[in-house]
Amino acid sequence: MAMEKKKQRHCYGPAPNTTRRFAKLWGVLLISIFPILNTGLAFDYGDALKKSLLYFESQRSGRLPYNQRVAWRHHSGLTDGLEQGVDLVGGYYDAGDHVKFGLPMAFTVTMLSWTVIEFQHQIAIAGELEHALEAIKWGTDYFIKAHTSPNVLWAEVGDGDTDHYCWQRPEDMTTSRQAYKIDEDHPGSDLAGETAAAMAAASIVFKKTNPHYSHLLLHHAQQLFEFGDKYRGKYDENIGVVKNYYASNSAGM
């Protein structure tokens, strides 16, 4: 047993440079798919859409639902936030990492929400609307947890530096699960604004099908916008660990 645990903890050097900008690339893919779903081309864009959404299921953190389609994934990150006394279980891992970065996660949910708003009919025809809604809600449920008070938003769980030196399944990870937040003394207007945008866009998505949840998302979005506007600052100046991964501007990335 001791030897087995030692093997699980063994790191194999730096991981390859995974697709860190997956949110932007995925958003561009979706936007390019829908105008040509019904053009009669030989390419199966519906299958591309399905696989894109399956990718999100494979990136889920937390306790997975019974209808999880990516069966080789299991529960993980079930103690996220425990050391800080907050429940940060859930959300999405970033690309091939086990870090949960708030900024790209929020951008992803924003793009996904607007994709559903603009192309809901086409997504429904492709038989993927329910999966798209589930993908959005998996992210926004986490944002609700991470927004623990009007002027506090948890920005990251995990550490990119240690994570990049370990190749492990998230179910077995032994790397740091340190969590980082922005607040009045450590503002992050960019992160607060992007998360507000994600929750506001998602509130439009769920306005008819789940009005109570839509209202809750809008409430959080308004609080986050006011927080980011009143306490101004760049989040990478107050959370230094993000600078090498998702900085506040592209020049720092």
C-alpha atoms as a PDB file:
ATOM      1  CA  MET A   1       0.000   0.000   0.000  1.00  0.00           C
ATOM      2  CA  ALA A   2       2.823   2.404   0.863  1.00  0.00           C
ATOM      3  CA  MET A   3       4.541   1.673  -2.440  1.00  0.00           C
ATOM      4  CA  GLU A   4       1.284   2.214  -4.324  1.00  0.00           C
ATOM      5  CA  LYS A   5       0.758   5.573  -2.647  1.00  0.00           C
ATOM      6  CA  LYS A   6       4.313   6.536  -3.455  1.00  0.00           C
ATOM      7  CA  LYS A   7       3.713   5.709  -7.121  1.00  0.00           C
ATOM      8  CA  GLN A   8       0.586   7.830  -7.156  1.00  0.00           C
ATOM      9  CA  ARG A   9       2.541  10.777  -5.790  1.00  0.00           C
ATOM     10  CA  HIS A  10       5.375  10.409  -8.260  1.00  0.00           C
ATOM     11  CA  CYS A  11       5.789  13.275 -10.712  1.00  0.00           C
ATOM     12  CA  TYR A  12       7.231  12.834 -14.144  1.00  0.00           C
ATOM     13  CA  GLY A  13       8.575  16.299 -14.869  1.00  0.00           C
ATOM     14  CA  PRO A  14       6.864  19.212 -16.559  1.00  0.00           C
ATOM     15  CA  ALA A  15       3.712  18.449 -18.467  1.00  0.00           C
ATOM     16  CA  PRO A  16       3.502  19.520 -22.089  1.00  0.00           C
ATOM     17  CA  ASN A  17       2.083  22.947 -22.867  1.00  0.00           C
ATOM     18  CA  THR A  18      -1.599  22.069 -23.038  1.00  0.00           C
ATOM     19  CA  THR A  19      -4.242  24.112 -24.800  1.00  0.00           C
ATOM     20  CA  ARG A  20      -4.464  26.857 -22.220  1.00  0.00           C
ATOM     21  CA  ARG A  21      -6.575  29.130 -24.309  1.00  0.00           C
ATOM     22  CA  PHE A  22      -9.236  26.456 -24.772  1.00  0.00           C
ATOM     23  CA  ALA A  23     -12.033  28.855 -23.919  1.00  0.00           C
ATOM     24  CA  LYS A  24     -11.301  31.199 -26.805  1.00  0.00           C
ATOM     25  CA  LEU A  25     -10.702  28.382 -29.264  1.00  0.00           C
ATOM     26  CA  TRP A  26     -13.851  26.544 -28.204  1.00  0.00           C
ATOM     27  CA  GLY A  27     -15.930  29.696 -28.506  1.00  0.00           C
ATOM     28  CA  VAL A  28     -14.669  30.318 -32.024  1.00  0.00           C
ATOM     29  CA  LEU A  29     -15.464  26.694 -32.931  1.00  0.00           C
ATOM     30  CA  LEU A  30     -19.054  26.965 -31.728  1.00  0.00           C
ATOM     31  CA  ILE A  31     -19.678  30.271 -33.433  1.00  0.00           C
ATOM     32  CA  SER A  32     -18.369  28.836 -36.697  1.00  0.00           C
ATOM     33  CA  ILE A  33     -20.466  25.658 -36.453  1.00  0.00           C
ATOM     34  CA  PHE A  34     -24.036  26.913 -36.301  1.00  0.00           C
ATOM     35  CA  PRO A  35     -24.374  29.011 -39.463  1.00  0.00           C
ATOM     36  CA  ILE A  36     -23.420  25.942 -41.514  1.00  0.00           C
ATOM     37  CA  LEU A  37     -25.196  23.139 -39.669  1.00  0.00           C
ATOM     38  CA  ASN A  38     -27.862  22.945 -42.364  1.00  0.00           C
ATOM     39  CA  THR A  39     -25.850  23.696 -45.496  1.00  0.00           C
ATOM     40  CA  GLY A  40     -25.604  20.074 -46.626  1.00  0.00           C
ATOM     41  CA  LEU A  41     -21.819  19.967 -46.438  1.00  0.00           C
ATOM     42  CA  ALA A  42     -20.201  16.583 -45.902  1.00  0.00           C
ATOM     43  CA  PHE A  43     -18.728  17.613 -42.562  1.00  0.00           C
ATOM     44  CA  ASP A  44     -20.633  16.453 -39.486  1.00  0.00           C
ATOM     45  CA  TYR A  45     -20.722  19.658 -37.461  1.00  0.00           C
ATOM     46  CA  GLY A  46     -23.349  18.193 -35.158  1.00  0.00           C
ATOM     47  CA  ASP A  47     -20.813  15.581 -34.117  1.00  0.00           C
ATOM     48  CA  ALA A  48     -18.235  18.324 -33.583  1.00  0.00           C
ATOM     49  CA  LEU A  49     -20.706  20.107 -31.304  1.00  0.00           C
ATOM     50  CA  LYS A  50     -21.341  16.915 -29.348  1.00  0.00           C
ATOM     51  CA  LYS A  51     -17.639  16.285 -28.842  1.00  0.00           C
ATOM     52  CA  SER A  52     -17.098  19.901 -27.782  1.00  0.00           C
ATOM     53  CA  LEU A  53     -19.665  19.506 -25.021  1.00  0.00           C
ATOM     54  CA  LEU A  54     -18.238  16.125 -24.056  1.00  0.00           C
ATOM     55  CA  TYR A  55     -14.931  17.914 -23.553  1.00  0.00           C
ATOM     56  CA  PHE A  56     -16.541  20.036 -20.871  1.00  0.00           C
ATOM     57  CA  GLU A  57     -17.873  16.949 -19.127  1.00  0.00           C
ATOM     58  CA  SER A  58     -14.352  15.534 -19.051  1.00  0.00           C
ATOM     59  CA  GLN A  59     -13.153  18.764 -17.381  1.00  0.00           C
ATOM     60  CA  ARG A  60     -15.712  18.717 -14.582  1.00  0.00           C
ATOM     61  CA  SER A  61     -14.427  18.975 -11.038  1.00  0.00           C
ATOM     62  CA  GLY A  62     -16.370  17.901  -7.975  1.00  0.00           C
ATOM     63  CA  ARG A  63     -19.009  15.238  -7.425  1.00  0.00           C
ATOM     64  CA  LEU A  64     -20.119  14.064 -10.846  1.00  0.00           C
ATOM     65  CA  PRO A  65     -23.817  13.522 -11.647  1.00  0.00           C
ATOM     66  CA  TYR A  66     -25.459  10.206 -12.440  1.00  0.00           C
ATOM     67  CA  ASN A  67     -25.846  11.142 -16.116  1.00  0.00           C
ATOM     68  CA  GLN A  68     -22.150  11.876 -16.634  1.00  0.00           C
ATOM     69  CA  ARG A  69     -21.385  10.664 -20.167  1.00  0.00           C
ATOM     70  CA  VAL A  70     -17.594  10.599 -19.833  1.00  0.00           C
ATOM     71  CA  ALA A  71     -17.567   7.430 -17.805  1.00  0.00           C
ATOM     72  CA  TRP A  72     -13.810   7.242 -17.209  1.00  0.00           C
ATOM     73  CA  ARG A  73     -13.994  10.374 -15.045  1.00  0.00           C
ATOM     74  CA  HIS A  74     -15.008  10.180 -11.391  1.00  0.00           C
ATOM     75  CA  HIS A  75     -15.427  12.479  -8.377  1.00  0.00           C
ATOM     76  CA  SER A  76     -12.443  14.729  -7.661  1.00  0.00           C
ATOM     77  CA  GLY A  77     -11.512  17.901  -5.804  1.00  0.00           C
ATOM     78  CA  LEU A  78     -14.046  17.146  -3.082  1.00  0.00           C
ATOM     79  CA  THR A  79     -12.128  19.100  -0.428  1.00  0.00           C
ATOM     80  CA  ASP A  80     -11.556  22.242  -2.504  1.00  0.00           C
ATOM     81  CA  GLY A  81     -11.850  25.283  -0.248  1.00  0.00           C
ATOM     82  CA  LEU A  82     -11.846  23.228   2.954  1.00  0.00           C
ATOM     83  CA  GLU A  83      -8.625  24.801   4.272  1.00  0.00           C
ATOM     84  CA  GLN A  84     -10.109  28.254   3.715  1.00  0.00           C
ATOM     85  CA  GLY A  85     -13.432  27.345   5.323  1.00  0.00           C
ATOM     86  CA  VAL A  86     -15.458  27.705   2.118  1.00  0.00           C
ATOM     87  CA  ASP A  87     -17.115  25.237  -0.250  1.00  0.00           C
ATOM     88  CA  LEU A  88     -15.323  25.500  -3.607  1.00  0.00           C
ATOM     89  CA  VAL A  89     -16.213  22.034  -4.872  1.00  0.00           C
ATOM     90  CA  GLY A  90     -17.226  21.968  -8.524  1.00  0.00           C
ATOM     91  CA  GLY A  91     -16.448  24.050 -11.573  1.00  0.00           C
ATOM     92  CA  TYR A  92     -14.057  23.174 -14.365  1.00  0.00           C
ATOM     93  CA  TYR A  93     -10.406  22.274 -14.537  1.00  0.00           C
ATOM     94  CA  ASP A  94      -8.356  24.265 -17.009  1.00  0.00           C
ATOM     95  CA  ALA A  95      -7.366  22.356 -20.165  1.00  0.00           C
ATOM     96  CA  GLY A  96      -5.144  19.437 -19.101  1.00  0.00           C
ATOM     97  CA  ASP A  97      -4.453  20.920 -15.675  1.00  0.00           C
ATOM     98  CA  HIS A  98      -6.107  20.397 -12.314  1.00  0.00           C
ATOM     99  CA  VAL A  99      -6.171  24.100 -11.484  1.00  0.00           C
ATOM    100  CA  LYS A 100      -9.468  25.956 -11.499  1.00  0.00           C
ATOM    101  CA  PHE A 101      -8.714  29.413 -12.923  1.00  0.00           C
ATOM    102  CA  GLY A 102     -11.642  31.781 -12.493  1.00  0.00           C
ATOM    103  CA  LEU A 103     -10.943  34.141 -15.397  1.00  0.00           C
ATOM    104  CA  PRO A 104     -10.908  31.657 -18.312  1.00  0.00           C
ATOM    105  CA  MET A 105     -13.714  29.677 -16.697  1.00  0.00           C
ATOM    106  CA  ALA A 106     -15.872  32.801 -16.584  1.00  0.00           C
ATOM    107  CA  PHE A 107     -14.990  33.730 -20.170  1.00  0.00           C
ATOM    108  CA  THR A 108     -15.913  30.212 -21.272  1.00  0.00           C
ATOM    109  CA  VAL A 109     -19.321  30.348 -19.582  1.00  0.00           C
ATOM    110  CA  THR A 110     -19.938  33.787 -21.102  1.00  0.00           C
ATOM    111  CA  MET A 111     -19.189  32.485 -24.595  1.00  0.00           C
ATOM    112  CA  LEU A 112     -21.188  29.314 -24.073  1.00  0.00           C
ATOM    113  CA  SER A 113     -24.178  31.273 -22.769  1.00  0.00           C
ATOM    114  CA  TRP A 114     -24.192  33.679 -25.715  1.00  0.00           C
ATOM    115  CA  THR A 115     -23.845  30.762 -28.096  1.00  0.00           C
ATOM    116  CA  VAL A 116     -27.034  29.263 -26.663  1.00  0.00           C
ATOM    117  CA  ILE A 117     -28.772  32.651 -26.750  1.00  0.00           C
ATOM    118  CA  GLU A 118     -27.891  33.193 -30.415  1.00  0.00           C
ATOM    119  CA  PHE A 119     -28.137  29.619 -31.732  1.00  0.00           C
ATOM    120  CA  GLN A 120     -30.561  27.829 -29.416  1.00  0.00           C
ATOM    121  CA  HIS A 121     -32.694  26.550 -32.294  1.00  0.00           C
ATOM    122  CA  GLN A 122     -29.754  25.007 -34.124  1.00  0.00           C
ATOM    123  CA  ILE A 123     -28.373  23.444 -30.938  1.00  0.00           C
ATOM    124  CA  ALA A 124     -31.787  21.930 -30.224  1.00  0.00           C
ATOM    125  CA  ILE A 125     -31.979  20.479 -33.752  1.00  0.00           C
ATOM    126  CA  ALA A 126     -28.578  18.889 -33.160  1.00  0.00           C
ATOM    127  CA  GLY A 127     -29.981  17.291 -29.990  1.00  0.00           C
ATOM    128  CA  GLU A 128     -27.450  19.008 -27.720  1.00  0.00           C
ATOM    129  CA  LEU A 129     -29.424  21.802 -26.059  1.00  0.00           C
ATOM    130  CA  GLU A 130     -29.851  20.003 -22.745  1.00  0.00           C
ATOM    131  CA  HIS A 131     -26.145  19.202 -22.629  1.00  0.00           C
ATOM    132  CA  ALA A 132     -25.278  22.817 -23.406  1.00  0.00           C
ATOM    133  CA  LEU A 133     -27.524  24.029 -20.586  1.00  0.00           C
ATOM    134  CA  GLU A 134     -25.918  21.545 -18.217  1.00  0.00           C
ATOM    135  CA  ALA A 135     -22.470  22.787 -19.225  1.00  0.00           C
ATOM    136  CA  ILE A 136     -23.439  26.377 -18.446  1.00  0.00           C
ATOM    137  CA  LYS A 137     -25.038  25.515 -15.116  1.00  0.00           C
ATOM    138  CA  TRP A 138     -22.024  23.460 -14.022  1.00  0.00           C
ATOM    139  CA  GLY A 139     -20.007  26.654 -14.299  1.00  0.00           C
ATOM    140  CA  THR A 140     -22.531  29.072 -12.808  1.00  0.00           C
ATOM    141  CA  ASP A 141     -23.264  26.801  -9.840  1.00  0.00           C
ATOM    142  CA  TYR A 142     -19.566  27.062  -9.035  1.00  0.00           C
ATOM    143  CA  PHE A 143     -19.531  30.850  -9.457  1.00  0.00           C
ATOM    144  CA  ILE A 144     -22.381  31.130  -6.959  1.00  0.00           C
ATOM    145  CA  LYS A 145     -20.309  29.158  -4.459  1.00  0.00           C
ATOM    146  CA  ALA A 146     -17.178  31.189  -5.202  1.00  0.00           C
ATOM    147  CA  HIS A 147     -19.021  34.487  -4.658  1.00  0.00           C
ATOM    148  CA  THR A 148     -19.241  34.084  -0.895  1.00  0.00           C
ATOM    149  CA  SER A 149     -20.205  37.687  -0.147  1.00  0.00           C
ATOM    150  CA  PRO A 150     -20.928  40.806  -2.206  1.00  0.00           C
ATOM    151  CA  ASN A 151     -17.277  41.909  -2.245  1.00  0.00           C
ATOM    152  CA  VAL A 152     -15.516  38.536  -2.153  1.00  0.00           C
ATOM    153  CA  LEU A 153     -14.903  36.234  -5.115  1.00  0.00           C
ATOM    154  CA  TRP A 154     -12.663  33.188  -4.994  1.00  0.00           C
ATOM    155  CA  ALA A 155     -10.464  33.425  -8.057  1.00  0.00           C
ATOM    156  CA  GLU A 156      -8.435  30.226  -8.223  1.00  0.00           C
ATOM    157  CA  VAL A 157      -8.108  26.792  -6.671  1.00  0.00           C
ATOM    158  CA  GLY A 158      -4.776  25.021  -7.076  1.00  0.00           C
ATOM    159  CA  ASP A 159      -1.325  26.172  -8.058  1.00  0.00           C
ATOM    160  CA  GLY A 160      -0.164  26.202 -11.661  1.00  0.00           C
ATOM    161  CA  ASP A 161       3.534  25.835 -10.896  1.00  0.00           C
ATOM    162  CA  THR A 162       3.284  22.628  -8.872  1.00  0.00           C
ATOM    163  CA  ASP A 163       0.493  21.315 -11.086  1.00  0.00           C
ATOM    164  CA  HIS A 164       2.643  21.541 -14.216  1.00  0.00           C
ATOM    165  CA  TYR A 165       5.253  19.274 -12.682  1.00  0.00           C
ATOM    166  CA  CYS A 166       2.816  16.443 -12.056  1.00  0.00           C
ATOM    167  CA  TRP A 167       0.970  14.153 -14.435  1.00  0.00           C
ATOM    168  CA  GLN A 168      -1.862  12.689 -12.427  1.00  0.00           C
ATOM    169  CA  ARG A 169      -5.531  11.965 -12.799  1.00  0.00           C
ATOM    170  CA  PRO A 170      -7.579  14.575 -10.941  1.00  0.00           C
ATOM    171  CA  GLU A 171      -9.052  11.683  -8.961  1.00  0.00           C
ATOM    172  CA  ASP A 172      -5.559  10.972  -7.587  1.00  0.00           C
ATOM    173  CA  MET A 173      -4.014  14.441  -7.464  1.00  0.00           C
ATOM    174  CA  THR A 174      -1.745  15.288  -4.565  1.00  0.00           C
ATOM    175  CA  THR A 175      -0.804  18.814  -5.656  1.00  0.00           C
ATOM    176  CA  SER A 176      -1.689  21.980  -3.749  1.00  0.00           C
ATOM    177  CA  ARG A 177      -5.350  22.998  -3.535  1.00  0.00           C
ATOM    178  CA  GLN A 178      -4.599  26.433  -2.142  1.00  0.00           C
ATOM    179  CA  ALA A 179      -7.405  28.871  -2.941  1.00  0.00           C
ATOM    180  CA  TYR A 180      -7.072  32.570  -3.747  1.00  0.00           C
ATOM    181  CA  LYS A 181      -9.644  35.354  -3.611  1.00  0.00           C
ATOM    182  CA  ILE A 182     -10.245  38.978  -4.507  1.00  0.00           C
ATOM    183  CA  ASP A 183     -11.893  41.333  -2.032  1.00  0.00           C
ATOM    184  CA  GLU A 184     -12.017  44.988  -1.031  1.00  0.00           C
ATOM    185  CA  ASP A 185      -8.362  45.023   0.002  1.00  0.00           C
ATOM    186  CA  HIS A 186      -7.241  42.906  -2.959  1.00  0.00           C
ATOM    187  CA  PRO A 187      -9.480  43.965  -5.871  1.00  0.00           C
ATOM    188  CA  GLY A 188      -9.754  42.405  -9.290  1.00  0.00           C
ATOM    189  CA  SER A 189     -12.112  44.391 -11.499  1.00  0.00           C
ATOM    190  CA  ASP A 190     -11.320  42.298 -14.566  1.00  0.00           C
ATOM    191  CA  LEU A 191     -12.163  39.005 -12.874  1.00  0.00           C
ATOM    192  CA  ALA A 192     -15.239  40.413 -11.133  1.00  0.00           C
ATOM    193  CA  GLY A 193     -16.441  41.925 -14.414  1.00  0.00           C
ATOM    194  CA  GLU A 194     -15.963  38.754 -16.466  1.00  0.00           C
ATOM    195  CA  THR A 195     -17.692  36.631 -13.838  1.00  0.00           C
ATOM    196  CA  ALA A 196     -20.535  39.139 -13.730  1.00  0.00           C
ATOM    197  CA  ALA A 197     -20.797  38.899 -17.525  1.00  0.00           C
ATOM    198  CA  ALA A 198     -20.953  35.102 -17.355  1.00  0.00           C
ATOM    199  CA  MET A 199     -23.705  35.112 -14.754  1.00  0.00           C
ATOM    200  CA  ALA A 200     -25.675  37.845 -16.513  1.00  0.00           C
ATOM    201  CA  ALA A 201     -25.524  36.008 -19.848  1.00  0.00           C
ATOM    202  CA  ALA A 202     -26.510  32.748 -18.162  1.00  0.00           C
ATOM    203  CA  SER A 203     -29.455  34.508 -16.512  1.00  0.00           C
ATOM    204  CA  ILE A 204     -30.793  35.213 -20.003  1.00  0.00           C
ATOM    205  CA  VAL A 205     -30.344  31.555 -20.958  1.00  0.00           C
ATOM    206  CA  PHE A 206     -32.394  30.311 -17.984  1.00  0.00           C
ATOM    207  CA  LYS A 207     -34.941  33.155 -17.889  1.00  0.00           C
ATOM    208  CA  LYS A 208     -37.829  31.083 -19.298  1.00  0.00           C
ATOM    209  CA  THR A 209     -36.936  27.566 -18.197  1.00  0.00           C
ATOM    210  CA  ASN A 210     -35.703  28.326 -14.670  1.00  0.00           C
ATOM    211  CA  PRO A 211     -36.759  31.867 -13.666  1.00  0.00           C
ATOM    212  CA  HIS A 212     -35.756  31.509 -10.008  1.00  0.00           C
ATOM    213  CA  TYR A 213     -32.232  30.446 -10.953  1.00  0.00           C
ATOM    214  CA  SER A 214     -32.102  33.201 -13.574  1.00  0.00           C
ATOM    215  CA  HIS A 215     -32.972  35.803 -10.940  1.00  0.00           C
ATOM    216  CA  LEU A 216     -30.324  34.410  -8.582  1.00  0.00           C
ATOM    217  CA  LEU A 217     -27.675  34.651 -11.297  1.00  0.00           C
ATOM    218  CA  LEU A 218     -28.663  38.231 -12.110  1.00  0.00           C
ATOM    219  CA  HIS A 219     -28.455  39.143  -8.416  1.00  0.00           C
ATOM    220  CA  HIS A 220     -24.897  37.812  -8.207  1.00  0.00           C
ATOM    221  CA  ALA A 221     -23.984  39.495 -11.494  1.00  0.00           C
ATOM    222  CA  GLN A 222     -25.171  42.882 -10.239  1.00  0.00           C
ATOM    223  CA  GLN A 223     -23.245  42.519  -6.967  1.00  0.00           C
ATOM    224  CA  LEU A 224     -20.071  41.491  -8.776  1.00  0.00           C
ATOM    225  CA  PHE A 225     -20.326  44.354 -11.244  1.00  0.00           C
ATOM    226  CA  GLU A 226     -20.747  46.850  -8.404  1.00  0.00           C
ATOM    227  CA  PHE A 227     -17.840  45.283  -6.528  1.00  0.00           C
ATOM    228  CA  GLY A 228     -15.527  45.455  -9.526  1.00  0.00           C
ATOM    229  CA  ASP A 229     -16.556  49.026 -10.291  1.00  0.00           C
ATOM    230  CA  LYS A 230     -16.221  50.362  -6.738  1.00  0.00           C
ATOM    231  CA  TYR A 231     -12.968  48.587  -5.801  1.00  0.00           C
ATOM    232  CA  ARG A 232     -10.857  48.924  -8.900  1.00  0.00           C
ATOM    233  CA  GLY A 233      -7.693  47.021  -9.650  1.00  0.00           C
ATOM    234  CA  LYS A 234      -6.220  44.249 -11.752  1.00  0.00           C
ATOM    235  CA  TYR A 235      -6.553  40.833 -10.257  1.00  0.00           C
ATOM    236  CA  ASP A 236      -3.079  39.676 -11.270  1.00  0.00           C
ATOM    237  CA  GLU A 237      -1.569  42.463  -9.141  1.00  0.00           C
ATOM    238  CA  ASN A 238      -3.235  40.989  -6.068  1.00  0.00           C
ATOM    239  CA  ILE A 239      -3.000  37.298  -6.959  1.00  0.00           C
ATOM    240  CA  GLY A 240       0.535  36.951  -8.243  1.00  0.00           C
ATOM    241  CA  VAL A 241       0.287  33.222  -8.978  1.00  0.00           C
ATOM    242  CA  VAL A 242      -1.934  33.868 -12.011  1.00  0.00           C
ATOM    243  CA  LYS A 243       0.541  36.072 -13.894  1.00  0.00           C
ATOM    244  CA  ASN A 244       2.241  33.233 -15.764  1.00  0.00           C
ATOM    245  CA  TYR A 245      -1.086  31.680 -16.750  1.00  0.00           C
ATOM    246  CA  TYR A 246      -4.022  34.074 -17.099  1.00  0.00           C
ATOM    247  CA  ALA A 247      -2.787  37.607 -16.529  1.00  0.00           C
ATOM    248  CA  SER A 248      -4.899  40.735 -16.670  1.00  0.00           C
ATOM    249  CA  ASN A 249      -3.604  41.599 -20.137  1.00  0.00           C
ATOM    250  CA  SER A 250      -2.342  39.583 -23.064  1.00  0.00           C
ATOM    251  CA  ALA A 251       1.137  41.116 -22.833  1.00  0.00           C
ATOM    252  CA  GLY A 252       1.615  39.397 -19.501  1.00  0.00           C
ATOM    253  CA  MET A 253       0.527  35.980 -20.691  1.00  0.00           C
END
